[in-house]
Amino acid sequence: MQTGLRTLFRSSRTASSTPRFRVAPTSHILRAGALQIRSLHIKKYTSEHEVVNFDDETGVGIVGITDHAQSVLGDVVFVELPAVGATVQQGDQIGAVESVKAASDIYAPVSGTVEEINETLSNEPGLLNKSAEDKGWLCKIKLSDPSEVDKLMTLEEYKATWE
């Protein structure tokens, strides 16, 4: 016994003389041209162990500390973040991270305006240890000079500073 769409289509044709649906010929189908969207995400590093994931489409850089930095710091117990709306220059201190071992300042890897901070870190500073370069991001900065990203280090260059 055959079941499925083939059986349903046969039974619908025999039940009435007019088809229940019609397939349009290909000449009537609207075909969209190839839509090309180019969004480049660039991940760059500083010698002070900050990382920025820059989206060239939005002009926003997501700033965090590197996985290496969180492993050296140990268990993070407090995170100080910049104020939303603050204008920062590359190299400015924008916050601090305190752990059971040490405290470390956070520096702006790029210049721009702080658009958002990771509010979750105020209640869960240990998120930096669990996911430093992903869910443990610190802030989002709208870059005033996107060319600054080009001057930062690649992962290979960054690793060479501490390996």
Protein backbone atom coordinates (compact mmCIF):
# COMPACT_ATOMS: atom_id res chain seq x y z
CA MET A 1 0.00 0.00 0.00
CA GLN A 2 1.40 3.35 -1.07
CA THR A 3 1.08 6.37 1.25
CA GLY A 4 2.48 9.85 1.27
CA LEU A 5 2.20 12.83 -1.07
CA ARG A 6 1.92 10.76 -4.25
CA THR A 7 -1.18 8.99 -2.93
CA LEU A 8 -2.70 12.26 -1.74
CA PHE A 9 -2.19 13.89 -5.13
CA ARG A 10 -3.81 10.93 -6.92
CA SER A 11 -6.84 10.95 -4.63
CA SER A 12 -7.29 14.72 -4.97
CA ARG A 13 -7.33 14.42 -8.79
CA THR A 14 -9.95 11.72 -8.77
CA ALA A 15 -12.16 13.46 -6.20
CA SER A 16 -12.81 16.51 -8.35
CA SER A 17 -12.36 17.40 -11.97
CA THR A 18 -10.49 20.66 -11.26
CA PRO A 19 -7.07 20.60 -9.67
CA ARG A 20 -6.80 21.99 -6.14
CA PHE A 21 -3.54 23.75 -6.89
CA ARG A 22 -1.59 24.82 -9.91
CA VAL A 23 2.13 25.06 -10.39
CA ALA A 24 3.17 28.20 -12.20
CA PRO A 25 5.38 27.76 -15.22
CA THR A 26 8.97 28.78 -14.59
CA SER A 27 8.58 31.84 -16.78
CA HIS A 28 6.17 33.33 -14.22
CA ILE A 29 8.38 32.73 -11.20
CA LEU A 30 10.04 35.85 -9.88
CA ARG A 31 13.73 35.18 -9.66
CA ALA A 32 15.78 37.38 -7.42
CA GLY A 33 19.24 38.22 -8.62
CA ALA A 34 22.24 37.17 -6.62
CA LEU A 35 22.21 39.33 -3.53
CA GLN A 36 25.71 39.91 -2.36
CA ILE A 37 26.17 41.01 1.21
CA ARG A 38 29.69 41.47 2.38
CA SER A 39 30.28 41.79 6.07
CA LEU A 40 33.80 41.35 7.31
CA HIS A 41 34.50 40.41 10.91
CA ILE A 42 38.10 41.03 11.90
CA LYS A 43 39.51 39.79 15.20
CA LYS A 44 42.62 41.66 16.36
CA TYR A 45 44.66 41.76 19.57
CA THR A 46 46.73 44.17 21.68
CA SER A 47 49.91 43.56 23.63
CA GLU A 48 47.91 44.47 26.78
CA HIS A 49 45.76 41.33 26.18
CA GLU A 50 42.61 42.98 24.86
CA VAL A 51 40.79 41.61 21.83
CA VAL A 52 38.45 43.43 19.46
CA ASN A 53 36.10 41.73 17.02
CA PHE A 54 35.36 44.41 14.41
CA ASP A 55 32.34 44.28 12.08
CA ASP A 56 33.05 46.53 9.09
CA GLU A 57 29.37 46.67 8.13
CA THR A 58 28.24 48.23 11.42
CA GLY A 59 31.54 49.90 12.36
CA VAL A 60 31.28 48.38 15.84
CA GLY A 61 34.06 46.59 17.68
CA ILE A 62 33.27 44.12 20.46
CA VAL A 63 35.99 44.45 23.09
CA GLY A 64 37.08 41.79 25.54
CA ILE A 65 40.10 40.29 27.20
CA THR A 66 41.90 37.38 25.62
CA ASP A 67 41.57 33.80 26.73
CA HIS A 68 45.26 33.88 27.65
CA ALA A 69 44.68 36.92 29.91
CA GLN A 70 41.82 35.27 31.81
CA SER A 71 43.90 32.12 32.35
CA VAL A 72 46.78 34.16 33.81
CA LEU A 73 44.43 36.22 36.00
CA GLY A 74 42.70 33.22 37.53
CA ASP A 75 39.17 33.35 38.92
CA VAL A 76 37.68 36.76 38.08
CA VAL A 77 35.66 38.25 40.96
CA PHE A 78 34.95 41.81 39.78
CA VAL A 79 34.73 43.69 36.47
CA GLU A 80 34.62 47.47 36.10
CA LEU A 81 33.23 48.63 32.75
CA PRO A 82 33.11 52.02 30.98
CA ALA A 83 29.97 54.14 30.88
CA VAL A 84 27.68 53.83 27.88
CA GLY A 85 28.11 56.95 25.73
CA ALA A 86 31.69 57.54 26.85
CA THR A 87 34.09 58.68 24.15
CA VAL A 88 37.39 56.79 24.36
CA GLN A 89 40.73 57.09 22.62
CA GLN A 90 42.87 54.09 21.69
CA GLY A 91 45.01 53.26 24.73
CA ASP A 92 42.73 54.95 27.30
CA GLN A 93 41.91 52.98 30.44
CA ILE A 94 38.27 51.92 30.09
CA GLY A 95 37.87 49.55 33.03
CA ALA A 96 39.48 46.94 35.25
CA VAL A 97 39.33 43.25 36.02
CA GLU A 98 40.00 41.90 39.51
CA SER A 99 40.71 38.27 40.24
CA VAL A 100 41.77 36.24 43.25
CA LYS A 101 45.38 36.64 42.04
CA ALA A 102 45.61 40.20 40.69
CA ALA A 103 43.93 43.29 39.32
CA SER A 104 44.45 44.47 35.78
CA ASP A 105 43.42 47.59 33.90
CA ILE A 106 41.55 47.30 30.60
CA TYR A 107 42.62 49.61 27.78
CA ALA A 108 40.63 50.67 24.73
CA PRO A 109 42.05 48.84 21.71
CA VAL A 110 40.29 51.36 19.43
CA SER A 111 38.91 54.90 19.55
CA GLY A 112 35.20 55.65 19.47
CA THR A 113 32.01 55.78 21.52
CA VAL A 114 30.93 53.06 23.93
CA GLU A 115 27.53 51.91 22.65
CA GLU A 116 26.85 49.01 25.00
CA ILE A 117 28.35 47.20 27.97
CA ASN A 118 27.94 43.57 29.00
CA GLU A 119 25.63 44.01 32.00
CA THR A 120 25.81 40.28 32.73
CA LEU A 121 29.38 40.69 34.01
CA SER A 122 28.24 42.74 37.02
CA ASN A 123 26.43 39.67 38.42
CA GLU A 124 28.59 37.01 36.75
CA PRO A 125 32.21 38.21 36.56
CA GLY A 126 33.32 34.57 36.28
CA LEU A 127 31.85 34.58 32.77
CA LEU A 128 35.20 36.04 31.72
CA ASN A 129 36.83 32.76 32.78
CA LYS A 130 34.23 30.61 31.03
CA SER A 131 34.02 32.52 27.74
CA ALA A 132 36.45 35.43 27.65
CA GLU A 133 36.39 36.07 23.90
CA ASP A 134 32.71 35.27 23.31
CA LYS A 135 30.03 35.63 26.00
CA GLY A 136 32.42 37.47 28.32
CA TRP A 137 32.77 40.49 26.05
CA LEU A 138 33.19 43.80 27.92
CA CYS A 139 31.79 46.55 25.71
CA LYS A 140 30.87 47.51 22.18
CA ILE A 141 32.57 50.55 20.70
CA LYS A 142 31.44 52.41 17.56
CA LEU A 143 34.80 53.16 15.99
CA SER A 144 35.65 56.73 15.06
CA ASP A 145 38.65 55.55 12.99
CA PRO A 146 38.25 52.00 11.62
CA SER A 147 41.81 52.07 10.24
CA GLU A 148 43.06 51.62 13.83
CA VAL A 149 42.03 47.96 13.58
CA ASP A 150 44.63 47.40 10.86
CA LYS A 151 47.40 48.44 13.27
CA LEU A 152 46.47 45.80 15.87
CA MET A 153 47.99 42.31 15.99
CA THR A 154 46.81 39.10 14.38
CA LEU A 155 46.40 36.03 16.57
CA GLU A 156 49.80 34.73 15.48
CA GLU A 157 51.50 38.06 16.27
CA TYR A 158 49.73 38.22 19.64
CA LYS A 159 50.75 34.67 20.61
CA ALA A 160 54.37 35.52 19.78
CA THR A 161 54.30 38.18 22.55
CA TRP A 162 53.78 35.63 25.33
CA GLU A 163 54.81 32.21 24.04
